[in-house]
């Protein structure tokens, strides 16, 4: 599922920030999900919230990605020509 599909279907608040050398995606899952975990496997970001799992595919052209989640906010930092 892409970020756009995910936010539309699940109703999450998401933002995309464009910088000169990177793009940052931020998704707010809410503070009640502060214990969520995130992992990056190939081109997929996997978020686990309690018993639920979400798989988000990285945009085409993303060469290098870094992910972390803090206080229920998922951040994905992407490098490459998106």
C-alpha atoms as a PDB file:
ATOM      1  CA  UNK A   1       0.000   0.000   0.000  1.00  0.00           C
ATOM      2  CA  UNK A   2       1.323   3.454  -0.808  1.00  0.00           C
ATOM      3  CA  UNK A   3       1.361   6.286   1.717  1.00  0.00           C
ATOM      4  CA  UNK A   4      -1.496   8.013  -0.111  1.00  0.00           C
ATOM      5  CA  UNK A   5      -3.646   4.858  -0.062  1.00  0.00           C
ATOM      6  CA  UNK A   6      -2.824   4.233   3.579  1.00  0.00           C
ATOM      7  CA  UNK A   7      -3.760   7.704   4.797  1.00  0.00           C
ATOM      8  CA  UNK A   8      -6.954   7.736   2.738  1.00  0.00           C
ATOM      9  CA  UNK A   9      -8.089   4.272   3.880  1.00  0.00           C
ATOM     10  CA  UNK A  10      -6.944   4.418   7.499  1.00  0.00           C
ATOM     11  CA  UNK A  11      -7.582   8.131   8.104  1.00  0.00           C
ATOM     12  CA  UNK A  12      -4.078   8.917   9.371  1.00  0.00           C
ATOM     13  CA  UNK A  13      -2.586  12.390   9.187  1.00  0.00           C
ATOM     14  CA  UNK A  14       0.473  12.402   6.928  1.00  0.00           C
ATOM     15  CA  UNK A  15       2.790  15.076   5.586  1.00  0.00           C
ATOM     16  CA  UNK A  16       5.488  15.093   2.923  1.00  0.00           C
ATOM     17  CA  UNK A  17       8.380  17.540   3.235  1.00  0.00           C
ATOM     18  CA  UNK A  18      10.687  18.217   0.285  1.00  0.00           C
ATOM     19  CA  UNK A  19      14.254  19.406   0.933  1.00  0.00           C
ATOM     20  CA  UNK A  20      17.201  19.900  -1.411  1.00  0.00           C
ATOM     21  CA  UNK A  21      18.795  16.538  -0.650  1.00  0.00           C
ATOM     22  CA  UNK A  22      15.973  14.467   0.857  1.00  0.00           C
ATOM     23  CA  UNK A  23      12.253  13.922   1.258  1.00  0.00           C
ATOM     24  CA  UNK A  24      10.703  13.310   4.660  1.00  0.00           C
ATOM     25  CA  UNK A  25       7.386  11.529   5.163  1.00  0.00           C
ATOM     26  CA  UNK A  26       5.674  11.814   8.555  1.00  0.00           C
ATOM     27  CA  UNK A  27       2.603   9.857   9.666  1.00  0.00           C
ATOM     28  CA  UNK A  28       0.892  10.556  13.002  1.00  0.00           C
ATOM     29  CA  UNK A  29      -0.557   7.383  14.506  1.00  0.00           C
ATOM     30  CA  UNK A  30      -1.473   9.182  17.740  1.00  0.00           C
ATOM     31  CA  UNK A  31       0.069   9.113  21.190  1.00  0.00           C
ATOM     32  CA  UNK A  32      -1.934   6.020  22.173  1.00  0.00           C
ATOM     33  CA  UNK A  33       0.355   4.155  19.748  1.00  0.00           C
ATOM     34  CA  UNK A  34       3.586   5.374  21.319  1.00  0.00           C
ATOM     35  CA  UNK A  35       4.818   1.778  21.716  1.00  0.00           C
ATOM     36  CA  UNK A  36       4.599   1.054  17.970  1.00  0.00           C
ATOM     37  CA  UNK A  37       7.559  -0.447  16.131  1.00  0.00           C
ATOM     38  CA  UNK A  38       8.877   0.115  12.620  1.00  0.00           C
ATOM     39  CA  UNK A  39      11.135  -1.894  10.345  1.00  0.00           C
ATOM     40  CA  UNK A  40      12.343  -1.450   6.774  1.00  0.00           C
ATOM     41  CA  UNK A  41      12.499  -4.542   4.544  1.00  0.00           C
ATOM     42  CA  UNK A  42      13.625  -3.959   0.962  1.00  0.00           C
ATOM     43  CA  UNK A  43      11.227  -1.273  -0.347  1.00  0.00           C
ATOM     44  CA  UNK A  44       8.566  -1.728   2.356  1.00  0.00           C
ATOM     45  CA  UNK A  45       8.113   0.070   5.682  1.00  0.00           C
ATOM     46  CA  UNK A  46       6.456  -2.263   8.207  1.00  0.00           C
ATOM     47  CA  UNK A  47       4.689  -0.641  11.167  1.00  0.00           C
ATOM     48  CA  UNK A  48       3.323  -2.776  14.020  1.00  0.00           C
ATOM     49  CA  UNK A  49       0.748  -1.211  16.360  1.00  0.00           C
ATOM     50  CA  UNK A  50      -0.324  -3.744  18.961  1.00  0.00           C
ATOM     51  CA  UNK A  51      -2.051  -6.525  16.993  1.00  0.00           C
ATOM     52  CA  UNK A  52      -2.186  -4.548  13.726  1.00  0.00           C
ATOM     53  CA  UNK A  53       0.483  -4.415  11.012  1.00  0.00           C
ATOM     54  CA  UNK A  54       0.724  -1.876   8.188  1.00  0.00           C
ATOM     55  CA  UNK A  55       2.956  -2.295   5.137  1.00  0.00           C
ATOM     56  CA  UNK A  56       3.815   0.917   3.290  1.00  0.00           C
ATOM     57  CA  UNK A  57       5.715   0.798   0.026  1.00  0.00           C
ATOM     58  CA  UNK A  58       8.401   3.391  -0.582  1.00  0.00           C
ATOM     59  CA  UNK A  59       7.945   5.717  -3.559  1.00  0.00           C
ATOM     60  CA  UNK A  60       9.686   4.854  -6.827  1.00  0.00           C
ATOM     61  CA  UNK A  61      13.153   6.357  -6.999  1.00  0.00           C
ATOM     62  CA  UNK A  62      13.906   6.130  -3.278  1.00  0.00           C
ATOM     63  CA  UNK A  63      17.540   5.000  -3.068  1.00  0.00           C
ATOM     64  CA  UNK A  64      18.173   5.165   0.655  1.00  0.00           C
ATOM     65  CA  UNK A  65      15.614   5.262   3.460  1.00  0.00           C
ATOM     66  CA  UNK A  66      15.827   5.672   7.221  1.00  0.00           C
ATOM     67  CA  UNK A  67      12.818   5.076   9.454  1.00  0.00           C
ATOM     68  CA  UNK A  68      11.995   5.673  13.081  1.00  0.00           C
ATOM     69  CA  UNK A  69       8.922   6.123  15.243  1.00  0.00           C
ATOM     70  CA  UNK A  70       8.679   8.291  18.351  1.00  0.00           C
ATOM     71  CA  UNK A  71       5.593   9.224  20.360  1.00  0.00           C
ATOM     72  CA  UNK A  72       3.374   7.632  17.723  1.00  0.00           C
ATOM     73  CA  UNK A  73       4.831   9.609  14.808  1.00  0.00           C
ATOM     74  CA  UNK A  74       6.448   7.596  12.017  1.00  0.00           C
ATOM     75  CA  UNK A  75       9.224   9.400  10.143  1.00  0.00           C
ATOM     76  CA  UNK A  76      10.671   8.115   6.892  1.00  0.00           C
ATOM     77  CA  UNK A  77      13.694   9.975   5.511  1.00  0.00           C
ATOM     78  CA  UNK A  78      14.284   9.286   1.821  1.00  0.00           C
ATOM     79  CA  UNK A  79      17.185  10.079  -0.454  1.00  0.00           C
ATOM     80  CA  UNK A  80      17.090   9.740  -4.204  1.00  0.00           C
ATOM     81  CA  UNK A  81      15.253  11.185  -7.179  1.00  0.00           C
ATOM     82  CA  UNK A  82      11.581  10.905  -6.212  1.00  0.00           C
END
